Amino acid sequence: MPFNLVLVEVCDANQACRPELFSLESQFSSVDIMETNCMSECDLCAHSPYAFVNGELVEAEHPDTLVEKVKFRIREILEDSEDSEPSL
């Protein structure tokens, strides 16, 4: 069974950079949260919580909503990878 890593990237200046987001690492063994000091998304960063999940932008109006959206996207990615595994 292949191991699929889901990378969540978040800017340390963004309101999304909070413990609830980092707790996803303990909820999903294949998730890695990477905090960076700048993601060159200053306009977006100033207006809304956001993160990149495997390079795909996920944003929301509130940090708690963002965590839920990121969690949903993680589940989708993991389910898709399970569905695409070859059967023996």
PDB file of N, CA and C in Angstrom:
ATOM      1  N   MET A   1       0.847  -1.174   0.000  1.00  0.00           N
ATOM      2  CA  MET A   1       0.000   0.000   0.000  1.00  0.00           C
ATOM      3  C   MET A   1       0.896   1.242   0.000  1.00  0.00           C
ATOM      4  N   PRO A   2       0.741   2.152  -0.985  1.00  0.00           N
ATOM      5  CA  PRO A   2       1.590   3.338  -1.045  1.00  0.00           C
ATOM      6  C   PRO A   2       1.238   4.324   0.065  1.00  0.00           C
ATOM      7  N   PHE A   3       2.256   5.061   0.494  1.00  0.00           N
ATOM      8  CA  PHE A   3       2.055   6.083   1.516  1.00  0.00           C
ATOM      9  C   PHE A   3       1.879   7.414   0.803  1.00  0.00           C
ATOM     10  N   ASN A   4       0.766   8.079   1.053  1.00  0.00           N
ATOM     11  CA  ASN A   4       0.477   9.356   0.405  1.00  0.00           C
ATOM     12  C   ASN A   4       0.563  10.476   1.430  1.00  0.00           C
ATOM     13  N   LEU A   5       1.470  11.399   1.196  1.00  0.00           N
ATOM     14  CA  LEU A   5       1.639  12.543   2.074  1.00  0.00           C
ATOM     15  C   LEU A   5       0.792  13.696   1.562  1.00  0.00           C
ATOM     16  N   VAL A   6       0.086  14.346   2.481  1.00  0.00           N
ATOM     17  CA  VAL A   6      -0.666  15.550   2.156  1.00  0.00           C
ATOM     18  C   VAL A   6       0.074  16.703   2.825  1.00  0.00           C
ATOM     19  N   LEU A   7       0.521  17.651   2.015  1.00  0.00           N
ATOM     20  CA  LEU A   7       1.268  18.796   2.516  1.00  0.00           C
ATOM     21  C   LEU A   7       0.346  20.005   2.601  1.00  0.00           C
ATOM     22  N   VAL A   8       0.260  20.584   3.795  1.00  0.00           N
ATOM     23  CA  VAL A   8      -0.515  21.805   4.019  1.00  0.00           C
ATOM     24  C   VAL A   8       0.494  22.905   4.320  1.00  0.00           C
ATOM     25  N   GLU A   9       0.485  23.947   3.494  1.00  0.00           N
ATOM     26  CA  GLU A   9       1.411  25.062   3.668  1.00  0.00           C
ATOM     27  C   GLU A   9       0.640  26.278   4.158  1.00  0.00           C
ATOM     28  N   VAL A  10       1.192  26.950   5.167  1.00  0.00           N
ATOM     29  CA  VAL A  10       0.528  28.122   5.731  1.00  0.00           C
ATOM     30  C   VAL A  10       1.581  29.185   6.050  1.00  0.00           C
ATOM     31  N   CYS A  11       1.213  30.430   5.809  1.00  0.00           N
ATOM     32  CA  CYS A  11       2.085  31.568   6.104  1.00  0.00           C
ATOM     33  C   CYS A  11       1.990  31.885   7.598  1.00  0.00           C
ATOM     34  N   ASP A  12       3.131  32.101   8.242  1.00  0.00           N
ATOM     35  CA  ASP A  12       3.103  32.368   9.679  1.00  0.00           C
ATOM     36  C   ASP A  12       2.465  33.714  10.025  1.00  0.00           C
ATOM     37  N   ALA A  13       2.284  34.600   9.050  1.00  0.00           N
ATOM     38  CA  ALA A  13       1.635  35.886   9.291  1.00  0.00           C
ATOM     39  C   ALA A  13       0.122  35.818   9.085  1.00  0.00           C
ATOM     40  N   ASN A  14      -0.370  34.718   8.546  1.00  0.00           N
ATOM     41  CA  ASN A  14      -1.794  34.593   8.247  1.00  0.00           C
ATOM     42  C   ASN A  14      -2.567  34.152   9.476  1.00  0.00           C
ATOM     43  N   GLN A  15      -3.826  34.609   9.551  1.00  0.00           N
ATOM     44  CA  GLN A  15      -4.671  34.254  10.687  1.00  0.00           C
ATOM     45  C   GLN A  15      -5.002  32.762  10.732  1.00  0.00           C
ATOM     46  N   ALA A  16      -4.700  32.039   9.677  1.00  0.00           N
ATOM     47  CA  ALA A  16      -4.917  30.586   9.660  1.00  0.00           C
ATOM     48  C   ALA A  16      -3.850  29.850  10.459  1.00  0.00           C
ATOM     49  N   CYS A  17      -2.745  30.498  10.725  1.00  0.00           N
ATOM     50  CA  CYS A  17      -1.627  29.868  11.429  1.00  0.00           C
ATOM     51  C   CYS A  17      -1.964  29.806  12.916  1.00  0.00           C
ATOM     52  N   ARG A  18      -2.640  28.713  13.289  1.00  0.00           N
ATOM     53  CA  ARG A  18      -3.119  28.564  14.661  1.00  0.00           C
ATOM     54  C   ARG A  18      -3.071  27.097  15.064  1.00  0.00           C
ATOM     55  N   PRO A  19      -3.131  26.818  16.348  1.00  0.00           N
ATOM     56  CA  PRO A  19      -3.006  25.430  16.823  1.00  0.00           C
ATOM     57  C   PRO A  19      -4.015  24.462  16.207  1.00  0.00           C
ATOM     58  N   GLU A  20      -5.217  24.925  15.939  1.00  0.00           N
ATOM     59  CA  GLU A  20      -6.237  24.041  15.367  1.00  0.00           C
ATOM     60  C   GLU A  20      -5.803  23.488  14.013  1.00  0.00           C
ATOM     61  N   LEU A  21      -5.124  24.298  13.235  1.00  0.00           N
ATOM     62  CA  LEU A  21      -4.636  23.825  11.944  1.00  0.00           C
ATOM     63  C   LEU A  21      -3.516  22.795  12.144  1.00  0.00           C
ATOM     64  N   PHE A  22      -2.613  23.083  13.051  1.00  0.00           N
ATOM     65  CA  PHE A  22      -1.486  22.172  13.295  1.00  0.00           C
ATOM     66  C   PHE A  22      -1.936  20.863  13.933  1.00  0.00           C
ATOM     67  N   SER A  23      -3.090  20.865  14.589  1.00  0.00           N
ATOM     68  CA  SER A  23      -3.603  19.631  15.198  1.00  0.00           C
ATOM     69  C   SER A  23      -3.987  18.596  14.140  1.00  0.00           C
ATOM     70  N   LEU A  24      -4.127  19.024  12.897  1.00  0.00           N
ATOM     71  CA  LEU A  24      -4.454  18.078  11.827  1.00  0.00           C
ATOM     72  C   LEU A  24      -3.340  17.047  11.636  1.00  0.00           C
ATOM     73  N   GLU A  25      -2.113  17.414  12.007  1.00  0.00           N
ATOM     74  CA  GLU A  25      -1.006  16.451  11.913  1.00  0.00           C
ATOM     75  C   GLU A  25      -1.235  15.249  12.829  1.00  0.00           C
ATOM     76  N   SER A  26      -1.847  15.483  13.977  1.00  0.00           N
ATOM     77  CA  SER A  26      -2.109  14.362  14.887  1.00  0.00           C
ATOM     78  C   SER A  26      -3.389  13.613  14.512  1.00  0.00           C
ATOM     79  N   GLN A  27      -4.281  14.275  13.789  1.00  0.00           N
ATOM     80  CA  GLN A  27      -5.525  13.630  13.362  1.00  0.00           C
ATOM     81  C   GLN A  27      -5.327  12.755  12.126  1.00  0.00           C
ATOM     82  N   PHE A  28      -4.372  13.125  11.289  1.00  0.00           N
ATOM     83  CA  PHE A  28      -4.096  12.394  10.046  1.00  0.00           C
ATOM     84  C   PHE A  28      -2.603  12.081  10.002  1.00  0.00           C
ATOM     85  N   SER A  29      -2.259  10.807  10.007  1.00  0.00           N
ATOM     86  CA  SER A  29      -0.842  10.426  10.045  1.00  0.00           C
ATOM     87  C   SER A  29      -0.085  10.818   8.779  1.00  0.00           C
ATOM     88  N   SER A  30      -0.784  11.015   7.688  1.00  0.00           N
ATOM     89  CA  SER A  30      -0.108  11.336   6.427  1.00  0.00           C
ATOM     90  C   SER A  30      -0.134  12.831   6.101  1.00  0.00           C
ATOM     91  N   VAL A  31      -0.412  13.669   7.099  1.00  0.00           N
ATOM     92  CA  VAL A  31      -0.461  15.119   6.883  1.00  0.00           C
ATOM     93  C   VAL A  31       0.755  15.775   7.518  1.00  0.00           C
ATOM     94  N   ASP A  32       1.348  16.689   6.772  1.00  0.00           N
ATOM     95  CA  ASP A  32       2.458  17.487   7.268  1.00  0.00           C
ATOM     96  C   ASP A  32       2.090  18.949   7.080  1.00  0.00           C
ATOM     97  N   ILE A  33       2.118  19.719   8.165  1.00  0.00           N
ATOM     98  CA  ILE A  33       1.834  21.153   8.103  1.00  0.00           C
ATOM     99  C   ILE A  33       3.171  21.875   8.050  1.00  0.00           C
ATOM    100  N   MET A  34       3.348  22.698   7.024  1.00  0.00           N
ATOM    101  CA  MET A  34       4.591  23.445   6.863  1.00  0.00           C
ATOM    102  C   MET A  34       4.295  24.935   7.022  1.00  0.00           C
ATOM    103  N   GLU A  35       4.860  25.521   8.055  1.00  0.00           N
ATOM    104  CA  GLU A  35       4.702  26.948   8.320  1.00  0.00           C
ATOM    105  C   GLU A  35       5.875  27.684   7.691  1.00  0.00           C
ATOM    106  N   THR A  36       5.563  28.669   6.843  1.00  0.00           N
ATOM    107  CA  THR A  36       6.622  29.449   6.202  1.00  0.00           C
ATOM    108  C   THR A  36       6.507  30.906   6.620  1.00  0.00           C
ATOM    109  N   ASN A  37       7.600  31.643   6.494  1.00  0.00           N
ATOM    110  CA  ASN A  37       7.553  33.040   6.922  1.00  0.00           C
ATOM    111  C   ASN A  37       6.943  33.958   5.874  1.00  0.00           C
ATOM    112  N   CYS A  38       6.809  33.536   4.640  1.00  0.00           N
ATOM    113  CA  CYS A  38       6.092  34.302   3.623  1.00  0.00           C
ATOM    114  C   CYS A  38       5.806  33.391   2.439  1.00  0.00           C
ATOM    115  N   MET A  39       4.600  33.501   1.927  1.00  0.00           N
ATOM    116  CA  MET A  39       4.231  32.697   0.764  1.00  0.00           C
ATOM    117  C   MET A  39       3.938  33.577  -0.447  1.00  0.00           C
ATOM    118  N   SER A  40       4.302  34.860  -0.356  1.00  0.00           N
ATOM    119  CA  SER A  40       4.121  35.823  -1.449  1.00  0.00           C
ATOM    120  C   SER A  40       2.668  35.939  -1.894  1.00  0.00           C
ATOM    121  N   GLU A  41       1.771  35.869  -0.935  1.00  0.00           N
ATOM    122  CA  GLU A  41       0.329  36.027  -1.183  1.00  0.00           C
ATOM    123  C   GLU A  41      -0.195  37.134  -0.271  1.00  0.00           C
ATOM    124  N   CYS A  42       0.499  38.266  -0.237  1.00  0.00           N
ATOM    125  CA  CYS A  42       0.231  39.319   0.743  1.00  0.00           C
ATOM    126  C   CYS A  42      -1.190  39.872   0.682  1.00  0.00           C
ATOM    127  N   ASP A  43      -1.734  40.099  -0.520  1.00  0.00           N
ATOM    128  CA  ASP A  43      -3.106  40.608  -0.622  1.00  0.00           C
ATOM    129  C   ASP A  43      -4.091  39.608  -0.041  1.00  0.00           C
ATOM    130  N   LEU A  44      -3.964  38.362  -0.417  1.00  0.00           N
ATOM    131  CA  LEU A  44      -4.832  37.308   0.105  1.00  0.00           C
ATOM    132  C   LEU A  44      -4.637  37.156   1.607  1.00  0.00           C
ATOM    133  N   CYS A  45      -3.397  37.166   2.038  1.00  0.00           N
ATOM    134  CA  CYS A  45      -3.056  36.985   3.446  1.00  0.00           C
ATOM    135  C   CYS A  45      -3.681  38.071   4.320  1.00  0.00           C
ATOM    136  N   ALA A  46      -3.737  39.285   3.812  1.00  0.00           N
ATOM    137  CA  ALA A  46      -4.283  40.404   4.573  1.00  0.00           C
ATOM    138  C   ALA A  46      -5.795  40.331   4.722  1.00  0.00           C
ATOM    139  N   HIS A  47      -6.460  39.590   3.825  1.00  0.00           N
ATOM    140  CA  HIS A  47      -7.921  39.606   3.809  1.00  0.00           C
ATOM    141  C   HIS A  47      -8.602  38.338   4.285  1.00  0.00           C
ATOM    142  N   SER A  48      -7.935  37.202   4.214  1.00  0.00           N
ATOM    143  CA  SER A  48      -8.631  35.978   4.613  1.00  0.00           C
ATOM    144  C   SER A  48      -7.658  34.887   5.033  1.00  0.00           C
ATOM    145  N   PRO A  49      -8.146  33.986   5.872  1.00  0.00           N
ATOM    146  CA  PRO A  49      -7.333  32.822   6.211  1.00  0.00           C
ATOM    147  C   PRO A  49      -7.221  31.913   4.991  1.00  0.00           C
ATOM    148  N   TYR A  50      -6.031  31.399   4.760  1.00  0.00           N
ATOM    149  CA  TYR A  50      -5.845  30.510   3.611  1.00  0.00           C
ATOM    150  C   TYR A  50      -4.698  29.553   3.899  1.00  0.00           C
ATOM    151  N   ALA A  51      -4.682  28.494   3.126  1.00  0.00           N
ATOM    152  CA  ALA A  51      -3.579  27.531   3.153  1.00  0.00           C
ATOM    153  C   ALA A  51      -3.541  26.869   1.787  1.00  0.00           C
ATOM    154  N   PHE A  52      -2.422  26.271   1.483  1.00  0.00           N
ATOM    155  CA  PHE A  52      -2.312  25.463   0.277  1.00  0.00           C
ATOM    156  C   PHE A  52      -2.285  24.001   0.705  1.00  0.00           C
ATOM    157  N   VAL A  53      -3.153  23.198   0.110  1.00  0.00           N
ATOM    158  CA  VAL A  53      -3.207  21.766   0.392  1.00  0.00           C
ATOM    159  C   VAL A  53      -2.731  21.054  -0.868  1.00  0.00           C
ATOM    160  N   ASN A  54      -1.562  20.446  -0.785  1.00  0.00           N
ATOM    161  CA  ASN A  54      -0.917  19.840  -1.962  1.00  0.00           C
ATOM    162  C   ASN A  54      -0.890  20.817  -3.138  1.00  0.00           C
ATOM    163  N   GLY A  55      -0.582  22.081  -2.836  1.00  0.00           N
ATOM    164  CA  GLY A  55      -0.452  23.103  -3.868  1.00  0.00           C
ATOM    165  C   GLY A  55      -1.745  23.762  -4.291  1.00  0.00           C
ATOM    166  N   GLU A  56      -2.875  23.309  -3.761  1.00  0.00           N
ATOM    167  CA  GLU A  56      -4.187  23.858  -4.126  1.00  0.00           C
ATOM    168  C   GLU A  56      -4.641  24.854  -3.058  1.00  0.00           C
ATOM    169  N   LEU A  57      -5.024  26.051  -3.485  1.00  0.00           N
ATOM    170  CA  LEU A  57      -5.466  27.090  -2.565  1.00  0.00           C
ATOM    171  C   LEU A  57      -6.790  26.715  -1.914  1.00  0.00           C
ATOM    172  N   VAL A  58      -6.826  26.837  -0.588  1.00  0.00           N
ATOM    173  CA  VAL A  58      -8.061  26.674   0.179  1.00  0.00           C
ATOM    174  C   VAL A  58      -8.174  27.926   1.036  1.00  0.00           C
ATOM    175  N   GLU A  59      -9.302  28.614   0.941  1.00  0.00           N
ATOM    176  CA  GLU A  59      -9.485  29.830   1.731  1.00  0.00           C
ATOM    177  C   GLU A  59     -10.879  29.862   2.326  1.00  0.00           C
ATOM    178  N   ALA A  60     -11.056  30.703   3.341  1.00  0.00           N
ATOM    179  CA  ALA A  60     -12.342  30.816   4.022  1.00  0.00           C
ATOM    180  C   ALA A  60     -12.452  32.204   4.634  1.00  0.00           C
ATOM    181  N   GLU A  61     -13.634  32.509   5.140  1.00  0.00           N
ATOM    182  CA  GLU A  61     -13.839  33.811   5.768  1.00  0.00           C
ATOM    183  C   GLU A  61     -13.371  33.831   7.218  1.00  0.00           C
ATOM    184  N   HIS A  62     -13.306  32.657   7.857  1.00  0.00           N
ATOM    185  CA  HIS A  62     -12.948  32.569   9.269  1.00  0.00           C
ATOM    186  C   HIS A  62     -11.937  31.433   9.461  1.00  0.00           C
ATOM    187  N   PRO A  63     -10.985  31.589  10.361  1.00  0.00           N
ATOM    188  CA  PRO A  63      -9.984  30.537  10.567  1.00  0.00           C
ATOM    189  C   PRO A  63     -10.572  29.167  10.915  1.00  0.00           C
ATOM    190  N   ASP A  64     -11.623  29.136  11.734  1.00  0.00           N
ATOM    191  CA  ASP A  64     -12.236  27.845  12.079  1.00  0.00           C
ATOM    192  C   ASP A  64     -12.844  27.176  10.851  1.00  0.00           C
ATOM    193  N   THR A  65     -13.446  27.984   9.991  1.00  0.00           N
ATOM    194  CA  THR A  65     -14.017  27.455   8.752  1.00  0.00           C
ATOM    195  C   THR A  65     -12.906  26.928   7.851  1.00  0.00           C
ATOM    196  N   LEU A  66     -11.785  27.626   7.834  1.00  0.00           N
ATOM    197  CA  LEU A  66     -10.660  27.167   7.018  1.00  0.00           C
ATOM    198  C   LEU A  66     -10.177  25.798   7.491  1.00  0.00           C
ATOM    199  N   VAL A  67     -10.052  25.618   8.783  1.00  0.00           N
ATOM    200  CA  VAL A  67      -9.599  24.327   9.307  1.00  0.00           C
ATOM    201  C   VAL A  67     -10.536  23.218   8.843  1.00  0.00           C
ATOM    202  N   GLU A  68     -11.840  23.462   8.884  1.00  0.00           N
ATOM    203  CA  GLU A  68     -12.810  22.459   8.434  1.00  0.00           C
ATOM    204  C   GLU A  68     -12.682  22.194   6.934  1.00  0.00           C
ATOM    205  N   LYS A  69     -12.469  23.254   6.154  1.00  0.00           N
ATOM    206  CA  LYS A  69     -12.308  23.078   4.705  1.00  0.00           C
ATOM    207  C   LYS A  69     -11.023  22.316   4.377  1.00  0.00           C
ATOM    208  N   VAL A  70      -9.960  22.610   5.101  1.00  0.00           N
ATOM    209  CA  VAL A  70      -8.698  21.896   4.895  1.00  0.00           C
ATOM    210  C   VAL A  70      -8.878  20.426   5.267  1.00  0.00           C
ATOM    211  N   LYS A  71      -9.544  20.176   6.384  1.00  0.00           N
ATOM    212  CA  LYS A  71      -9.795  18.797   6.814  1.00  0.00           C
ATOM    213  C   LYS A  71     -10.610  18.044   5.764  1.00  0.00           C
ATOM    214  N   PHE A  72     -11.620  18.695   5.202  1.00  0.00           N
ATOM    215  CA  PHE A  72     -12.443  18.083   4.151  1.00  0.00           C
ATOM    216  C   PHE A  72     -11.587  17.751   2.931  1.00  0.00           C
ATOM    217  N   ARG A  73     -10.723  18.686   2.536  1.00  0.00           N
ATOM    218  CA  ARG A  73      -9.872  18.471   1.359  1.00  0.00           C
ATOM    219  C   ARG A  73      -8.869  17.339   1.604  1.00  0.00           C
ATOM    220  N   ILE A  74      -8.338  17.269   2.811  1.00  0.00           N
ATOM    221  CA  ILE A  74      -7.426  16.171   3.157  1.00  0.00           C
ATOM    222  C   ILE A  74      -8.138  14.838   2.994  1.00  0.00           C
ATOM    223  N   ARG A  75      -9.340  14.750   3.522  1.00  0.00           N
ATOM    224  CA  ARG A  75     -10.104  13.498   3.403  1.00  0.00           C
ATOM    225  C   ARG A  75     -10.346  13.139   1.940  1.00  0.00           C
ATOM    226  N   GLU A  76     -10.684  14.142   1.131  1.00  0.00           N
ATOM    227  CA  GLU A  76     -10.896  13.884  -0.302  1.00  0.00           C
ATOM    228  C   GLU A  76      -9.630  13.323  -0.952  1.00  0.00           C
ATOM    229  N   ILE A  77      -8.502  13.934  -0.664  1.00  0.00           N
ATOM    230  CA  ILE A  77      -7.237  13.488  -1.253  1.00  0.00           C
ATOM    231  C   ILE A  77      -6.921  12.063  -0.820  1.00  0.00           C
ATOM    232  N   LEU A  78      -7.080  11.784   0.454  1.00  0.00           N
ATOM    233  CA  LEU A  78      -6.774  10.444   0.956  1.00  0.00           C
ATOM    234  C   LEU A  78      -7.732   9.401   0.398  1.00  0.00           C
ATOM    235  N   GLU A  79      -9.006   9.748   0.273  1.00  0.00           N
ATOM    236  CA  GLU A  79      -9.977   8.813  -0.309  1.00  0.00           C
ATOM    237  C   GLU A  79      -9.673   8.566  -1.781  1.00  0.00           C
ATOM    238  N   ASP A  80      -9.326   9.628  -2.509  1.00  0.00           N
ATOM    239  CA  ASP A  80      -8.982   9.472  -3.927  1.00  0.00           C
ATOM    240  C   ASP A  80      -7.764   8.571  -4.100  1.00  0.00           C
ATOM    241  N   SER A  81      -6.786   8.722  -3.217  1.00  0.00           N
ATOM    242  CA  SER A  81      -5.584   7.892  -3.340  1.00  0.00           C
ATOM    243  C   SER A  81      -5.889   6.437  -3.007  1.00  0.00           C
ATOM    244  N   GLU A  82      -6.810   6.193  -2.079  1.00  0.00           N
ATOM    245  CA  GLU A  82      -7.215   4.818  -1.769  1.00  0.00           C
ATOM    246  C   GLU A  82      -7.958   4.204  -2.947  1.00  0.00           C
ATOM    247  N   ASP A  83      -8.819   4.999  -3.592  1.00  0.00           N
ATOM    248  CA  ASP A  83      -9.594   4.502  -4.732  1.00  0.00           C
ATOM    249  C   ASP A  83      -8.707   4.182  -5.928  1.00  0.00           C
ATOM    250  N   SER A  84      -7.573   4.875  -6.043  1.00  0.00           N
ATOM    251  CA  SER A  84      -6.713   4.669  -7.208  1.00  0.00           C
ATOM    252  C   SER A  84      -5.665   3.578  -6.998  1.00  0.00           C
ATOM    253  N   GLU A  85      -5.624   2.980  -5.804  1.00  0.00           N
ATOM    254  CA  GLU A  85      -4.670   1.898  -5.552  1.00  0.00           C
ATOM    255  C   GLU A  85      -5.060   0.671  -6.355  1.00  0.00           C
ATOM    256  N   PRO A  86      -4.088   0.020  -6.968  1.00  0.00           N
ATOM    257  CA  PRO A  86      -4.410  -1.201  -7.723  1.00  0.00           C
ATOM    258  C   PRO A  86      -4.808  -2.325  -6.774  1.00  0.00           C
ATOM    259  N   SER A  87      -5.800  -3.077  -7.175  1.00  0.00           N
ATOM    260  CA  SER A  87      -6.219  -4.212  -6.354  1.00  0.00           C
ATOM    261  C   SER A  87      -5.362  -5.419  -6.697  1.00  0.00           C
ATOM    262  N   LEU A  88      -5.110  -6.212  -5.701  1.00  0.00           N
ATOM    263  CA  LEU A  88      -4.251  -7.391  -5.889  1.00  0.00           C
ATOM    264  C   LEU A  88      -5.067  -8.615  -6.171  1.00  0.00           C
TER     265      LEU A  88
END
